[in-house]
Amino acid sequence: EASITIKETSRLTPEEIERMRKEAEEHAEEDRRKAEEAETRNQADMLIYSVEKALRELGDKVSSQKRGEIEAAIRALKEKLEAKADIASIRAAMEELKRVSGEVAAEAYRQAGSAEAAGSGEKGDQEKGGDYIDYQKE
């Protein structure tokens, strides 16, 4: 059986221990801030990606005016990221992009709901004769 013996080779003074503890606390705050900044930047990148993807998928369903507003908000957020702006201004740009893109998403959802409701009247007669199984767990 192997064993390890650790022998004390030096002692730290209480002042050294306190100094090291303070340094660790200072770096902990810096690390937390850097992690928060990285998380905010990642969220901004994901938001840009998802909004750009939605714009491509919606195509002509988005008015040119709304598309312009959204693209301007995307550009503003990208500029903040490239300029390494502070977290607060990045978050503000993200909120603006969410606001303008949210309006378009809500409108697209309403249009899809209207189209679905209009299409369901035609299918209703075809579905009446279908076989359905009512499953109940015993």
N, C-alpha and C. Protein backbone atom coordinates (compact mmCIF):
# COMPACT_ATOMS: atom_id res chain seq x y z
N GLU A 1 0.85 -1.17 0.00
CA GLU A 1 0.00 0.00 0.00
C GLU A 1 0.90 1.23 0.00
N ALA A 2 0.62 2.16 -0.89
CA ALA A 2 1.42 3.39 -0.98
C ALA A 2 0.87 4.43 -0.03
N SER A 3 1.75 5.23 0.49
CA SER A 3 1.30 6.31 1.37
C SER A 3 2.12 7.56 1.07
N ILE A 4 1.53 8.69 1.36
CA ILE A 4 2.19 9.97 1.13
C ILE A 4 2.26 10.70 2.46
N THR A 5 3.40 11.22 2.75
CA THR A 5 3.58 12.00 3.96
C THR A 5 3.92 13.43 3.56
N ILE A 6 3.16 14.37 4.09
CA ILE A 6 3.41 15.77 3.79
C ILE A 6 4.05 16.40 5.02
N LYS A 7 5.20 16.98 4.79
CA LYS A 7 5.90 17.65 5.89
C LYS A 7 5.85 19.14 5.65
N GLU A 8 5.62 19.86 6.69
CA GLU A 8 5.55 21.31 6.60
C GLU A 8 6.95 21.84 6.38
N THR A 9 7.13 22.59 5.29
CA THR A 9 8.46 23.13 5.01
C THR A 9 8.54 24.61 5.35
N SER A 10 7.43 25.28 5.38
CA SER A 10 7.45 26.70 5.74
C SER A 10 6.10 27.08 6.33
N ARG A 11 6.13 28.07 7.12
CA ARG A 11 4.88 28.56 7.72
C ARG A 11 4.61 29.95 7.17
N LEU A 12 3.33 30.20 6.93
CA LEU A 12 2.94 31.54 6.53
C LEU A 12 2.59 32.33 7.78
N THR A 13 2.97 33.58 7.74
CA THR A 13 2.62 34.44 8.87
C THR A 13 1.15 34.82 8.76
N PRO A 14 0.52 35.20 9.84
CA PRO A 14 -0.88 35.63 9.77
C PRO A 14 -1.09 36.78 8.79
N GLU A 15 -0.11 37.67 8.66
CA GLU A 15 -0.21 38.79 7.71
C GLU A 15 -0.22 38.27 6.27
N GLU A 16 0.63 37.29 5.99
CA GLU A 16 0.66 36.71 4.65
C GLU A 16 -0.66 36.00 4.33
N ILE A 17 -1.19 35.30 5.30
CA ILE A 17 -2.47 34.61 5.10
C ILE A 17 -3.57 35.62 4.82
N GLU A 18 -3.61 36.71 5.58
CA GLU A 18 -4.62 37.75 5.39
C GLU A 18 -4.47 38.42 4.03
N ARG A 19 -3.22 38.70 3.63
CA ARG A 19 -2.97 39.31 2.32
C ARG A 19 -3.46 38.40 1.20
N MET A 20 -3.18 37.11 1.31
CA MET A 20 -3.61 36.15 0.29
C MET A 20 -5.13 36.04 0.24
N ARG A 21 -5.76 36.09 1.40
CA ARG A 21 -7.22 36.01 1.46
C ARG A 21 -7.84 37.23 0.77
N LYS A 22 -7.28 38.41 1.04
CA LYS A 22 -7.80 39.64 0.42
C LYS A 22 -7.60 39.61 -1.09
N GLU A 23 -6.45 39.13 -1.53
CA GLU A 23 -6.20 39.02 -2.97
C GLU A 23 -7.21 38.08 -3.62
N ALA A 24 -7.50 36.99 -2.95
CA ALA A 24 -8.48 36.03 -3.48
C ALA A 24 -9.85 36.67 -3.58
N GLU A 25 -10.23 37.46 -2.57
CA GLU A 25 -11.53 38.14 -2.60
C GLU A 25 -11.58 39.15 -3.74
N GLU A 26 -10.50 39.91 -3.92
CA GLU A 26 -10.44 40.89 -5.00
C GLU A 26 -10.57 40.21 -6.36
N HIS A 27 -9.88 39.13 -6.54
CA HIS A 27 -9.93 38.42 -7.81
C HIS A 27 -11.28 37.73 -8.00
N ALA A 28 -11.91 37.33 -6.92
CA ALA A 28 -13.22 36.69 -7.03
C ALA A 28 -14.23 37.66 -7.63
N GLU A 29 -14.20 38.91 -7.21
CA GLU A 29 -15.11 39.92 -7.75
C GLU A 29 -14.80 40.17 -9.23
N GLU A 30 -13.53 40.25 -9.55
CA GLU A 30 -13.13 40.44 -10.95
C GLU A 30 -13.57 39.24 -11.80
N ASP A 31 -13.38 38.05 -11.28
CA ASP A 31 -13.80 36.84 -11.99
C ASP A 31 -15.31 36.82 -12.20
N ARG A 32 -16.08 37.22 -11.17
CA ARG A 32 -17.54 37.26 -11.28
C ARG A 32 -17.96 38.26 -12.36
N ARG A 33 -17.30 39.43 -12.37
CA ARG A 33 -17.62 40.46 -13.36
C ARG A 33 -17.30 39.96 -14.77
N LYS A 34 -16.15 39.31 -14.93
CA LYS A 34 -15.78 38.78 -16.24
C LYS A 34 -16.74 37.69 -16.70
N ALA A 35 -17.16 36.85 -15.78
CA ALA A 35 -18.12 35.80 -16.12
C ALA A 35 -19.46 36.40 -16.53
N GLU A 36 -19.89 37.44 -15.82
CA GLU A 36 -21.15 38.11 -16.16
C GLU A 36 -21.05 38.76 -17.53
N GLU A 37 -19.92 39.38 -17.81
CA GLU A 37 -19.71 40.01 -19.11
C GLU A 37 -19.73 38.96 -20.23
N ALA A 38 -19.05 37.86 -20.02
CA ALA A 38 -19.03 36.79 -21.03
C ALA A 38 -20.43 36.23 -21.26
N GLU A 39 -21.18 36.03 -20.19
CA GLU A 39 -22.54 35.51 -20.31
C GLU A 39 -23.43 36.50 -21.07
N THR A 40 -23.30 37.78 -20.78
CA THR A 40 -24.09 38.80 -21.48
C THR A 40 -23.74 38.82 -22.96
N ARG A 41 -22.45 38.75 -23.27
CA ARG A 41 -22.04 38.74 -24.68
C ARG A 41 -22.56 37.50 -25.41
N ASN A 42 -22.51 36.36 -24.75
CA ASN A 42 -23.04 35.13 -25.36
C ASN A 42 -24.54 35.25 -25.61
N GLN A 43 -25.26 35.80 -24.65
CA GLN A 43 -26.70 35.99 -24.82
C GLN A 43 -26.99 36.93 -25.98
N ALA A 44 -26.18 37.99 -26.11
CA ALA A 44 -26.35 38.94 -27.21
C ALA A 44 -26.11 38.25 -28.55
N ASP A 45 -25.05 37.46 -28.63
CA ASP A 45 -24.76 36.73 -29.87
C ASP A 45 -25.90 35.78 -30.23
N MET A 46 -26.43 35.08 -29.23
CA MET A 46 -27.53 34.14 -29.50
C MET A 46 -28.78 34.88 -29.94
N LEU A 47 -29.03 36.04 -29.34
CA LEU A 47 -30.20 36.84 -29.72
C LEU A 47 -30.07 37.31 -31.16
N ILE A 48 -28.91 37.82 -31.52
CA ILE A 48 -28.68 38.27 -32.90
C ILE A 48 -28.91 37.11 -33.86
N TYR A 49 -28.33 35.97 -33.57
CA TYR A 49 -28.47 34.81 -34.44
C TYR A 49 -29.94 34.42 -34.60
N SER A 50 -30.67 34.34 -33.50
CA SER A 50 -32.06 33.88 -33.58
C SER A 50 -32.94 34.88 -34.31
N VAL A 51 -32.70 36.18 -34.11
CA VAL A 51 -33.52 37.19 -34.79
C VAL A 51 -33.20 37.19 -36.29
N GLU A 52 -31.92 37.09 -36.64
CA GLU A 52 -31.56 37.04 -38.06
C GLU A 52 -32.17 35.81 -38.72
N LYS A 53 -32.14 34.69 -38.03
CA LYS A 53 -32.74 33.46 -38.57
C LYS A 53 -34.24 33.63 -38.76
N ALA A 54 -34.90 34.22 -37.78
CA ALA A 54 -36.35 34.44 -37.88
C ALA A 54 -36.67 35.37 -39.05
N LEU A 55 -35.87 36.40 -39.25
CA LEU A 55 -36.09 37.30 -40.39
C LEU A 55 -35.98 36.56 -41.71
N ARG A 56 -34.98 35.68 -41.81
CA ARG A 56 -34.83 34.90 -43.05
C ARG A 56 -36.03 33.99 -43.26
N GLU A 57 -36.48 33.34 -42.19
CA GLU A 57 -37.59 32.40 -42.30
C GLU A 57 -38.91 33.10 -42.61
N LEU A 58 -39.11 34.28 -42.04
CA LEU A 58 -40.36 35.00 -42.27
C LEU A 58 -40.39 35.65 -43.65
N GLY A 59 -39.23 35.97 -44.18
CA GLY A 59 -39.14 36.52 -45.52
C GLY A 59 -40.01 37.74 -45.73
N ASP A 60 -40.90 37.67 -46.73
CA ASP A 60 -41.75 38.80 -47.11
C ASP A 60 -42.88 39.06 -46.13
N LYS A 61 -43.05 38.20 -45.15
CA LYS A 61 -44.12 38.41 -44.17
C LYS A 61 -43.82 39.59 -43.25
N VAL A 62 -42.56 40.05 -43.25
CA VAL A 62 -42.16 41.19 -42.44
C VAL A 62 -42.13 42.42 -43.34
N SER A 63 -42.83 43.47 -42.92
CA SER A 63 -42.86 44.70 -43.72
C SER A 63 -41.45 45.28 -43.81
N SER A 64 -41.20 46.03 -44.88
CA SER A 64 -39.87 46.61 -45.06
C SER A 64 -39.55 47.60 -43.94
N GLN A 65 -40.57 48.28 -43.42
CA GLN A 65 -40.34 49.22 -42.32
C GLN A 65 -39.89 48.46 -41.07
N LYS A 66 -40.61 47.41 -40.71
CA LYS A 66 -40.25 46.62 -39.52
C LYS A 66 -38.90 45.95 -39.71
N ARG A 67 -38.66 45.42 -40.91
CA ARG A 67 -37.37 44.78 -41.20
C ARG A 67 -36.24 45.78 -40.99
N GLY A 68 -36.45 47.01 -41.45
CA GLY A 68 -35.43 48.05 -41.27
C GLY A 68 -35.18 48.36 -39.80
N GLU A 69 -36.26 48.42 -39.00
CA GLU A 69 -36.12 48.67 -37.56
C GLU A 69 -35.32 47.55 -36.89
N ILE A 70 -35.66 46.32 -37.25
CA ILE A 70 -34.97 45.17 -36.65
C ILE A 70 -33.50 45.15 -37.06
N GLU A 71 -33.24 45.37 -38.34
CA GLU A 71 -31.85 45.36 -38.81
C GLU A 71 -31.04 46.47 -38.16
N ALA A 72 -31.67 47.64 -37.93
CA ALA A 72 -30.98 48.74 -37.24
C ALA A 72 -30.65 48.34 -35.80
N ALA A 73 -31.59 47.67 -35.14
CA ALA A 73 -31.35 47.23 -33.76
C ALA A 73 -30.26 46.16 -33.71
N ILE A 74 -30.23 45.29 -34.71
CA ILE A 74 -29.16 44.27 -34.79
C ILE A 74 -27.81 44.96 -34.97
N ARG A 75 -27.75 45.93 -35.89
CA ARG A 75 -26.49 46.65 -36.12
C ARG A 75 -26.02 47.35 -34.85
N ALA A 76 -26.96 47.98 -34.14
CA ALA A 76 -26.60 48.70 -32.91
C ALA A 76 -26.02 47.74 -31.88
N LEU A 77 -26.63 46.58 -31.74
CA LEU A 77 -26.13 45.60 -30.77
C LEU A 77 -24.76 45.07 -31.20
N LYS A 78 -24.60 44.79 -32.50
CA LYS A 78 -23.30 44.31 -32.99
C LYS A 78 -22.20 45.36 -32.75
N GLU A 79 -22.55 46.63 -32.94
CA GLU A 79 -21.57 47.70 -32.71
C GLU A 79 -21.15 47.75 -31.24
N LYS A 80 -22.12 47.56 -30.35
CA LYS A 80 -21.80 47.55 -28.91
C LYS A 80 -20.85 46.40 -28.59
N LEU A 81 -21.11 45.24 -29.18
CA LEU A 81 -20.26 44.08 -28.93
C LEU A 81 -18.85 44.30 -29.48
N GLU A 82 -18.76 44.83 -30.71
CA GLU A 82 -17.46 45.05 -31.33
C GLU A 82 -16.65 46.12 -30.58
N ALA A 83 -17.35 47.12 -30.03
CA ALA A 83 -16.68 48.20 -29.31
C ALA A 83 -16.34 47.80 -27.87
N LYS A 84 -16.72 46.57 -27.51
CA LYS A 84 -16.52 46.08 -26.14
C LYS A 84 -17.13 47.05 -25.12
N ALA A 85 -18.37 47.45 -25.42
CA ALA A 85 -19.10 48.38 -24.56
C ALA A 85 -19.39 47.73 -23.21
N ASP A 86 -19.79 48.55 -22.25
CA ASP A 86 -20.09 48.03 -20.92
C ASP A 86 -21.36 47.18 -20.96
N ILE A 87 -21.51 46.37 -19.94
CA ILE A 87 -22.62 45.41 -19.88
C ILE A 87 -23.97 46.10 -19.94
N ALA A 88 -24.10 47.23 -19.26
CA ALA A 88 -25.39 47.94 -19.21
C ALA A 88 -25.82 48.38 -20.61
N SER A 89 -24.90 48.91 -21.41
CA SER A 89 -25.29 49.37 -22.75
C SER A 89 -25.56 48.19 -23.68
N ILE A 90 -24.86 47.08 -23.48
CA ILE A 90 -25.15 45.88 -24.28
C ILE A 90 -26.54 45.37 -23.94
N ARG A 91 -26.86 45.33 -22.66
CA ARG A 91 -28.19 44.87 -22.24
C ARG A 91 -29.29 45.79 -22.76
N ALA A 92 -29.03 47.09 -22.76
CA ALA A 92 -30.02 48.04 -23.28
C ALA A 92 -30.26 47.79 -24.77
N ALA A 93 -29.19 47.55 -25.52
CA ALA A 93 -29.33 47.26 -26.96
C ALA A 93 -30.05 45.94 -27.17
N MET A 94 -29.80 44.97 -26.29
CA MET A 94 -30.51 43.68 -26.38
C MET A 94 -32.00 43.88 -26.15
N GLU A 95 -32.36 44.67 -25.15
CA GLU A 95 -33.77 44.92 -24.85
C GLU A 95 -34.46 45.60 -26.02
N GLU A 96 -33.78 46.53 -26.66
CA GLU A 96 -34.36 47.21 -27.82
C GLU A 96 -34.59 46.21 -28.96
N LEU A 97 -33.62 45.34 -29.20
CA LEU A 97 -33.78 44.33 -30.25
C LEU A 97 -34.92 43.38 -29.91
N LYS A 98 -35.02 42.98 -28.66
CA LYS A 98 -36.12 42.11 -28.24
C LYS A 98 -37.46 42.80 -28.46
N ARG A 99 -37.51 44.10 -28.16
CA ARG A 99 -38.77 44.84 -28.30
C ARG A 99 -39.22 44.89 -29.76
N VAL A 100 -38.32 45.33 -30.65
CA VAL A 100 -38.73 45.47 -32.05
C VAL A 100 -38.95 44.12 -32.72
N SER A 101 -38.16 43.12 -32.38
CA SER A 101 -38.35 41.81 -33.00
C SER A 101 -39.55 41.10 -32.39
N GLY A 102 -39.85 41.38 -31.14
CA GLY A 102 -41.02 40.77 -30.50
C GLY A 102 -42.31 41.20 -31.15
N GLU A 103 -42.38 42.44 -31.60
CA GLU A 103 -43.57 42.94 -32.29
C GLU A 103 -43.79 42.15 -33.58
N VAL A 104 -42.72 41.89 -34.30
CA VAL A 104 -42.82 41.14 -35.56
C VAL A 104 -43.21 39.69 -35.28
N ALA A 105 -42.62 39.11 -34.25
CA ALA A 105 -42.94 37.72 -33.90
C ALA A 105 -44.41 37.60 -33.52
N ALA A 106 -44.92 38.56 -32.77
CA ALA A 106 -46.33 38.53 -32.37
C ALA A 106 -47.23 38.66 -33.60
N GLU A 107 -46.86 39.53 -34.52
CA GLU A 107 -47.66 39.70 -35.74
C GLU A 107 -47.61 38.44 -36.59
N ALA A 108 -46.45 37.83 -36.74
CA ALA A 108 -46.34 36.58 -37.51
C ALA A 108 -47.17 35.48 -36.87
N TYR A 109 -47.18 35.43 -35.56
CA TYR A 109 -47.97 34.43 -34.83
C TYR A 109 -49.46 34.65 -35.08
N ARG A 110 -49.88 35.92 -35.05
CA ARG A 110 -51.30 36.23 -35.33
C ARG A 110 -51.66 35.83 -36.75
N GLN A 111 -50.78 36.14 -37.70
CA GLN A 111 -51.05 35.79 -39.10
C GLN A 111 -51.12 34.28 -39.27
N ALA A 112 -50.23 33.56 -38.62
CA ALA A 112 -50.24 32.09 -38.71
C ALA A 112 -51.51 31.54 -38.10
N GLY A 113 -51.94 32.12 -36.99
CA GLY A 113 -53.17 31.68 -36.35
C GLY A 113 -54.38 31.94 -37.22
N SER A 114 -54.41 33.08 -37.91
CA SER A 114 -55.51 33.40 -38.81
C SER A 114 -55.54 32.44 -39.99
N ALA A 115 -54.38 32.16 -40.54
CA ALA A 115 -54.31 31.24 -41.68
C ALA A 115 -54.71 29.83 -41.26
N GLU A 116 -54.32 29.44 -40.07
CA GLU A 116 -54.66 28.11 -39.57
C GLU A 116 -56.16 28.00 -39.33
N ALA A 117 -56.74 29.06 -38.78
CA ALA A 117 -58.18 29.05 -38.52
C ALA A 117 -58.95 29.00 -39.83
N ALA A 118 -58.48 29.72 -40.84
CA ALA A 118 -59.14 29.70 -42.14
C ALA A 118 -59.02 28.33 -42.78
N GLY A 119 -57.89 27.68 -42.64
CA GLY A 119 -57.68 26.36 -43.23
C GLY A 119 -58.39 25.26 -42.48
N SER A 120 -58.69 25.44 -41.22
CA SER A 120 -59.30 24.37 -40.44
C SER A 120 -60.75 24.13 -40.83
N GLY A 121 -61.41 25.11 -41.39
CA GLY A 121 -62.80 24.93 -41.82
C GLY A 121 -62.89 23.92 -42.95
N GLU A 122 -61.94 23.90 -43.82
CA GLU A 122 -61.95 22.97 -44.95
C GLU A 122 -61.66 21.54 -44.49
N LYS A 123 -60.78 21.37 -43.52
CA LYS A 123 -60.38 20.05 -43.08
C LYS A 123 -61.37 19.43 -42.12
N GLY A 124 -62.20 20.25 -41.52
CA GLY A 124 -63.10 19.76 -40.48
C GLY A 124 -63.98 18.62 -40.94
N ASP A 125 -64.54 18.67 -42.14
CA ASP A 125 -65.42 17.62 -42.64
C ASP A 125 -64.66 16.33 -42.88
N GLN A 126 -63.42 16.42 -43.31
CA GLN A 126 -62.63 15.23 -43.60
C GLN A 126 -62.26 14.49 -42.32
N GLU A 127 -62.09 15.19 -41.24
CA GLU A 127 -61.62 14.57 -40.02
C GLU A 127 -62.75 13.93 -39.20
N LYS A 128 -63.99 14.24 -39.50
CA LYS A 128 -65.11 13.73 -38.71
C LYS A 128 -65.22 12.22 -38.75
N GLY A 129 -64.87 11.60 -39.86
CA GLY A 129 -65.04 10.16 -39.99
C GLY A 129 -63.85 9.36 -39.50
N GLY A 130 -62.84 9.98 -38.93
CA GLY A 130 -61.63 9.28 -38.52
C GLY A 130 -61.86 8.37 -37.33
N ASP A 131 -61.00 7.36 -37.20
CA ASP A 131 -61.06 6.45 -36.06
C ASP A 131 -60.20 7.01 -34.94
N TYR A 132 -60.76 7.04 -33.74
CA TYR A 132 -60.04 7.54 -32.58
C TYR A 132 -60.07 6.48 -31.50
N ILE A 133 -58.98 6.34 -30.80
CA ILE A 133 -58.90 5.39 -29.70
C ILE A 133 -58.78 6.19 -28.42
N ASP A 134 -59.67 5.91 -27.49
CA ASP A 134 -59.64 6.59 -26.20
C ASP A 134 -58.87 5.69 -25.24
N TYR A 135 -57.69 6.11 -24.86
CA TYR A 135 -56.83 5.30 -24.01
C TYR A 135 -56.94 5.81 -22.59
N GLN A 136 -57.22 4.90 -21.68
CA GLN A 136 -57.27 5.25 -20.27
C GLN A 136 -56.32 4.33 -19.52
N LYS A 137 -55.51 4.94 -18.71
CA LYS A 137 -54.55 4.16 -17.93
C LYS A 137 -55.29 3.52 -16.76
N GLU A 138 -55.09 2.21 -16.57
CA GLU A 138 -55.76 1.51 -15.48
C GLU A 138 -54.85 1.29 -14.32
